[in-house]
Amino acid sequence: FGAAVAVVMNQKMRSQRFYTQHRATITAMSVNKVDMVVATGDQGECPSIRVWSPSSLQTVTVMEGFHRRAIAHLRFSADGKQLASVGQDDFHSVAIYDWKNGYIIANATSFEAKSLCVDFNPNGTSLVQCGNEIIRFWEIDGKSMHFSDALFGNRAKLQGFLSAGWIGGHAIVGTTDGSLYRFLGNKLDSIVQAHNGAINSISHCNDGLCTASTDGSLKLWTRYLECRLIIEAKYLKTISSNIRCVDWDLEFARILLGTASGEIFEVGAGDGENMHSGPLLEGHGGDELWGLAVNPTKEEFCTVGDDSLLRVWNVFSHESVSTVALEMPARCCAYSPDGRRLAIGFGCPRKLSNRQFDGKWIVLDTTDFQVAHEARDSTKWITDMKYSPNGELLAIGCYDNKIYIYGVNAGYALNAVVGQHQSFITALDFSEDSLWM
């Protein structure tokens, strides 16, 4: 999902459809594989949870009124009958819904620490909720919920508990230091050093566990927590080695993994080999994506973002045809009228790297993406840029309230600076005859 839109992709047709009934940014999602519905929750003063069909895009149930601020987590029970939700209020309130009838079965307030994940046990009779330095086990008893906090003993390290899964009735929790904590009831039973980085996601099934980590590896584990397969992100040629999420489909022996760079891969659960020639889906990572420009001579467009990547896309196949690493975050770009040059403006409101020089801009040759020109006349980040239709001028708007105009034929020499604006430049464009801006 992105913003207030949930995306349903047909990977064979490479087509997408969109669920657009949310009024605010979507913050949580869960898929019910039994009834083939999706639950999505949003943010707001009184956030809503909407259960909808991915085939028809029709809303089945809307539940709102209990949570405040935002929906932090959603999770269907294994039989699909119950839906657990956690809110972003001060005490991260928990609710168990009978979603088909649209009412709350049980609810309770949890802890003040940041809540990081929630998951039903296989029987749907209890929950594990993980947070920063806390793990809480919930028992659902009719309309009541009772909790017991994890007993760690002297071996465990209090840290961020990021992910959870189950092997039978035993909870398995992933930690920021790469360990797997196995519990008997609420008591810590064993610790396995599974990864060299934080365990972002756990997917469990009857055959064991699959874990994904910031260390660039995905591992499959038996029910006895013995590692039986390691899949390295570098061999999939991912842009970012940080694997953020994973889903193991036992029936079809396949695994979906998503990376911090906005890529989704589908690999075989038996050998870990990529089931496609490349990523199943590509996109941008980082904080925000702003820059977009259409090539006037080809059926292509390009995007740049805070992830310091330039991606060139085919309009009809919806595939990335080129990916170029940039030296810093970028928020705008512009093709020359003949499509032979691509200008990119650097910078963003937050300092994301030590090599971030706000106000710098470059011009790339679109045949090989080599730098043809670079300059920096402002120290504030560039918000928009456009070539004039005749190709003789390049105008660049900045956060310093100014527009810088360059002569293309004069080697991009600075011709003029427009400084009459009282606030930063949000957008600019030329008239068709290139005489007005």
Foldseek 3Di string as FASTA:
>chain_A
DFWQWDWDADLVQRDIDIQRPAPTGWAEKEAQPQVQWIWIWHFDQKIKIWIAHPVVSDTQAIEIDPAGGIWHYWYAANNRQWIWTFHPPQQRKIFIDRGNVHDTFEIDGHHRFAWAYKYAANVNQKMWTFGQQWIKIWGDDGHYIDIDTADEPDPDDRGGFHEWDDLHRWIWTWGQCQKIFIDDPRYTDDIDNHDRGGFQYWEADNQAIWTFGQRLWIFGAGSVRDTDDIAGNVVLVDPHSGWRYKYADPVVQWMWIAHQQAFIFIAGNVHRHTPDPHTSDGDGHDDDWAEKEQQLPAQWIWTFFQRQKIFIARNPSRDTPDIDGHQGGWHYKEAFLNRQKIKTWFDDPDDPDPRGQAQKMFIAGVVVRDTPDIDGDDRFHWQYWYAQNVRQWIWTWGQVQKIWIFGVVVVRHTDDIDRPGPGGDNDDYADNVRPGD
